[in-house]
Amino acid sequence: MGAPHEQDGSIAGNAGCHGVADAGDDGVAALVRLHQRGWISARWGTSENNRKAKFYTITKAGAKQLAADEAYWKRLTDVMGRVFAPVAEASK
């Protein structure tokens, strides 16, 4: 079951922002931090099942931060792959 989406692509907060909001209090805390940092915007609306819901949308600053984080994780996983590749090859 996916998160309710509105026409503009925003996601209802209590429905599963890629699993973040489903994490209970930790998910809410994560959304609050993202909002405080200006990486997401929030607005109240009505979900597909007619309930009041908060909808979150990534901001330009959030997209920029996401791109930086993705680049960091790519570099990290590339390095880790090179570190562990000899171990994987030796165990075959």
Foldseek 3Di string as FASTA:
>chain_A
DAFFADPVGWGFQCGCPPNLSVVPPRSVVVVVVCVVVVQKDWDWDAGPVGDITITIDGDPVNVVVVVVVVVVVVVVVVVVCVVCVVVVVVVD
